[in-house]
N, C-alpha and C. Protein backbone atom coordinates (compact mmCIF):
# COMPACT_ATOMS: atom_id res chain seq x y z
N UNK A 1 -133.75 -21.43 -33.03
CA UNK A 1 -134.17 -21.42 -31.63
C UNK A 1 -133.97 -20.04 -31.00
N UNK A 2 -132.87 -19.37 -31.32
CA UNK A 2 -132.59 -18.05 -30.73
C UNK A 2 -133.64 -17.02 -31.13
N UNK A 3 -134.15 -17.15 -32.36
CA UNK A 3 -135.18 -16.22 -32.83
C UNK A 3 -136.43 -16.37 -31.98
N UNK A 4 -136.80 -17.61 -31.67
CA UNK A 4 -137.99 -17.85 -30.86
C UNK A 4 -137.80 -17.32 -29.43
N UNK A 5 -136.61 -17.47 -28.91
CA UNK A 5 -136.30 -16.95 -27.58
C UNK A 5 -136.44 -15.43 -27.55
N UNK A 6 -135.94 -14.78 -28.60
CA UNK A 6 -136.03 -13.33 -28.72
C UNK A 6 -137.49 -12.89 -28.82
N UNK A 7 -138.26 -13.60 -29.63
CA UNK A 7 -139.69 -13.30 -29.78
C UNK A 7 -140.40 -13.41 -28.44
N UNK A 8 -140.10 -14.48 -27.73
CA UNK A 8 -140.69 -14.70 -26.41
C UNK A 8 -140.38 -13.55 -25.46
N UNK A 9 -139.14 -13.12 -25.47
CA UNK A 9 -138.72 -12.01 -24.60
C UNK A 9 -139.45 -10.73 -24.95
N UNK A 10 -139.53 -10.44 -26.23
CA UNK A 10 -140.23 -9.22 -26.70
C UNK A 10 -141.70 -9.26 -26.29
N UNK A 11 -142.34 -10.41 -26.46
CA UNK A 11 -143.75 -10.55 -26.09
C UNK A 11 -143.94 -10.41 -24.59
N UNK A 12 -143.01 -10.95 -23.82
CA UNK A 12 -143.09 -10.86 -22.37
C UNK A 12 -142.97 -9.40 -21.92
N UNK A 13 -142.04 -8.66 -22.53
CA UNK A 13 -141.87 -7.24 -22.21
C UNK A 13 -143.16 -6.47 -22.54
N UNK A 14 -143.77 -6.82 -23.67
CA UNK A 14 -145.04 -6.19 -24.05
C UNK A 14 -146.13 -6.46 -23.03
N UNK A 15 -146.20 -7.69 -22.56
CA UNK A 15 -147.20 -8.06 -21.54
C UNK A 15 -146.99 -7.25 -20.26
N UNK A 16 -145.72 -7.13 -19.85
CA UNK A 16 -145.40 -6.36 -18.64
C UNK A 16 -145.80 -4.89 -18.82
N UNK A 17 -145.49 -4.33 -19.99
CA UNK A 17 -145.85 -2.94 -20.27
C UNK A 17 -147.36 -2.74 -20.26
N UNK A 18 -148.09 -3.69 -20.85
CA UNK A 18 -149.55 -3.60 -20.85
C UNK A 18 -150.11 -3.65 -19.44
N UNK A 19 -149.58 -4.55 -18.61
CA UNK A 19 -150.09 -4.67 -17.24
C UNK A 19 -149.76 -3.43 -16.41
N UNK A 20 -148.58 -2.85 -16.65
CA UNK A 20 -148.22 -1.61 -15.95
C UNK A 20 -149.14 -0.48 -16.37
N UNK A 21 -149.46 -0.41 -17.67
CA UNK A 21 -150.38 0.61 -18.17
C UNK A 21 -151.74 0.44 -17.51
N UNK A 22 -152.19 -0.81 -17.42
CA UNK A 22 -153.49 -1.11 -16.81
C UNK A 22 -153.50 -0.69 -15.35
N UNK A 23 -152.42 -1.02 -14.63
CA UNK A 23 -152.31 -0.64 -13.22
C UNK A 23 -152.37 0.87 -13.05
N UNK A 24 -151.64 1.59 -13.90
CA UNK A 24 -151.62 3.05 -13.84
C UNK A 24 -153.01 3.62 -14.06
N UNK A 25 -153.73 3.05 -15.01
CA UNK A 25 -155.08 3.53 -15.32
C UNK A 25 -156.02 3.25 -14.15
N UNK A 26 -155.88 2.07 -13.54
CA UNK A 26 -156.74 1.73 -12.41
C UNK A 26 -156.49 2.68 -11.23
N UNK A 27 -155.22 2.99 -10.99
CA UNK A 27 -154.87 3.84 -9.85
C UNK A 27 -155.19 5.32 -10.12
N UNK A 28 -154.78 5.80 -11.31
CA UNK A 28 -154.88 7.24 -11.59
C UNK A 28 -156.01 7.59 -12.56
N UNK A 29 -156.68 6.58 -13.10
CA UNK A 29 -157.64 6.82 -14.17
C UNK A 29 -158.83 7.66 -13.78
N UNK A 30 -159.27 7.51 -12.53
CA UNK A 30 -160.51 8.15 -12.15
C UNK A 30 -160.36 9.64 -11.91
N UNK A 31 -159.13 10.14 -11.93
CA UNK A 31 -158.93 11.59 -11.81
C UNK A 31 -159.30 12.28 -13.12
N UNK A 32 -159.25 11.51 -14.23
CA UNK A 32 -159.70 12.03 -15.51
C UNK A 32 -161.19 11.76 -15.61
N UNK A 33 -161.97 12.78 -15.95
CA UNK A 33 -163.42 12.58 -16.00
C UNK A 33 -163.81 11.88 -17.30
N UNK A 34 -164.24 10.65 -17.16
CA UNK A 34 -164.72 9.88 -18.30
C UNK A 34 -165.92 9.05 -17.88
N UNK A 35 -166.67 8.61 -18.87
CA UNK A 35 -167.85 7.80 -18.54
C UNK A 35 -167.44 6.36 -18.29
N UNK A 36 -168.30 5.62 -17.62
CA UNK A 36 -168.03 4.22 -17.31
C UNK A 36 -167.87 3.40 -18.58
N UNK A 37 -168.64 3.75 -19.61
CA UNK A 37 -168.58 3.00 -20.87
C UNK A 37 -167.19 3.12 -21.50
N UNK A 38 -166.63 4.33 -21.47
CA UNK A 38 -165.29 4.54 -22.03
C UNK A 38 -164.26 3.71 -21.27
N UNK A 39 -164.38 3.67 -19.94
CA UNK A 39 -163.45 2.88 -19.14
C UNK A 39 -163.56 1.39 -19.49
N UNK A 40 -164.81 0.90 -19.58
CA UNK A 40 -165.03 -0.51 -19.90
C UNK A 40 -164.43 -0.86 -21.26
N UNK A 41 -164.61 0.03 -22.23
CA UNK A 41 -164.05 -0.20 -23.56
C UNK A 41 -162.52 -0.25 -23.50
N UNK A 42 -161.94 0.70 -22.77
CA UNK A 42 -160.49 0.78 -22.66
C UNK A 42 -159.93 -0.49 -22.00
N UNK A 43 -160.57 -0.90 -20.89
CA UNK A 43 -160.11 -2.10 -20.19
C UNK A 43 -160.23 -3.33 -21.07
N UNK A 44 -161.36 -3.44 -21.78
CA UNK A 44 -161.57 -4.63 -22.62
C UNK A 44 -160.54 -4.69 -23.75
N UNK A 45 -160.18 -3.51 -24.31
CA UNK A 45 -159.14 -3.49 -25.35
C UNK A 45 -157.80 -3.96 -24.79
N UNK A 46 -157.46 -3.50 -23.58
CA UNK A 46 -156.18 -3.91 -22.98
C UNK A 46 -156.18 -5.41 -22.70
N UNK A 47 -157.30 -5.92 -22.16
CA UNK A 47 -157.37 -7.35 -21.86
C UNK A 47 -157.31 -8.19 -23.14
N UNK A 48 -157.97 -7.70 -24.21
CA UNK A 48 -157.91 -8.40 -25.49
C UNK A 48 -156.48 -8.46 -25.99
N UNK A 49 -155.79 -7.33 -25.89
CA UNK A 49 -154.40 -7.27 -26.34
C UNK A 49 -153.52 -8.20 -25.51
N UNK A 50 -153.76 -8.22 -24.18
CA UNK A 50 -153.02 -9.11 -23.30
C UNK A 50 -153.25 -10.57 -23.68
N UNK A 51 -154.51 -10.93 -23.88
CA UNK A 51 -154.84 -12.31 -24.25
C UNK A 51 -154.20 -12.70 -25.57
N UNK A 52 -154.19 -11.76 -26.50
CA UNK A 52 -153.57 -12.00 -27.80
C UNK A 52 -152.08 -12.27 -27.64
N UNK A 53 -151.42 -11.46 -26.82
CA UNK A 53 -149.99 -11.62 -26.58
C UNK A 53 -149.70 -12.98 -25.92
N UNK A 54 -150.51 -13.33 -24.93
CA UNK A 54 -150.31 -14.59 -24.21
C UNK A 54 -150.47 -15.77 -25.17
N UNK A 55 -151.49 -15.71 -26.04
CA UNK A 55 -151.71 -16.81 -26.99
C UNK A 55 -150.54 -16.90 -27.97
N UNK A 56 -149.96 -15.75 -28.34
CA UNK A 56 -148.79 -15.75 -29.23
C UNK A 56 -147.60 -16.41 -28.54
N UNK A 57 -147.42 -16.11 -27.26
CA UNK A 57 -146.32 -16.73 -26.50
C UNK A 57 -146.51 -18.24 -26.44
N UNK A 58 -147.74 -18.68 -26.19
CA UNK A 58 -148.04 -20.11 -26.14
C UNK A 58 -147.75 -20.77 -27.49
N UNK A 59 -148.12 -20.06 -28.56
CA UNK A 59 -147.90 -20.57 -29.91
C UNK A 59 -146.41 -20.73 -30.18
N UNK A 60 -145.62 -19.73 -29.78
CA UNK A 60 -144.17 -19.78 -29.97
C UNK A 60 -143.57 -20.92 -29.14
N UNK A 61 -144.09 -21.10 -27.92
CA UNK A 61 -143.61 -22.19 -27.05
C UNK A 61 -143.86 -23.55 -27.67
N UNK A 62 -144.99 -23.69 -28.34
CA UNK A 62 -145.34 -24.97 -28.96
C UNK A 62 -144.40 -25.32 -30.11
N UNK A 63 -143.92 -24.31 -30.82
CA UNK A 63 -142.97 -24.51 -31.92
C UNK A 63 -141.61 -24.79 -31.33
């Protein structure tokens, strides 16, 4: 049980870090000159990673 609790905590920290990264990019991202396509790709990768992490947490919770 303790291993699952640790896994959950690590995944939660990762989710928080991802969301902070996303927030930073949204606030400061447009100062870097990039195309809209690059931004869309970057955002979609972050959201995919977030969704993956959330599904892993759900999976661990089910066990």
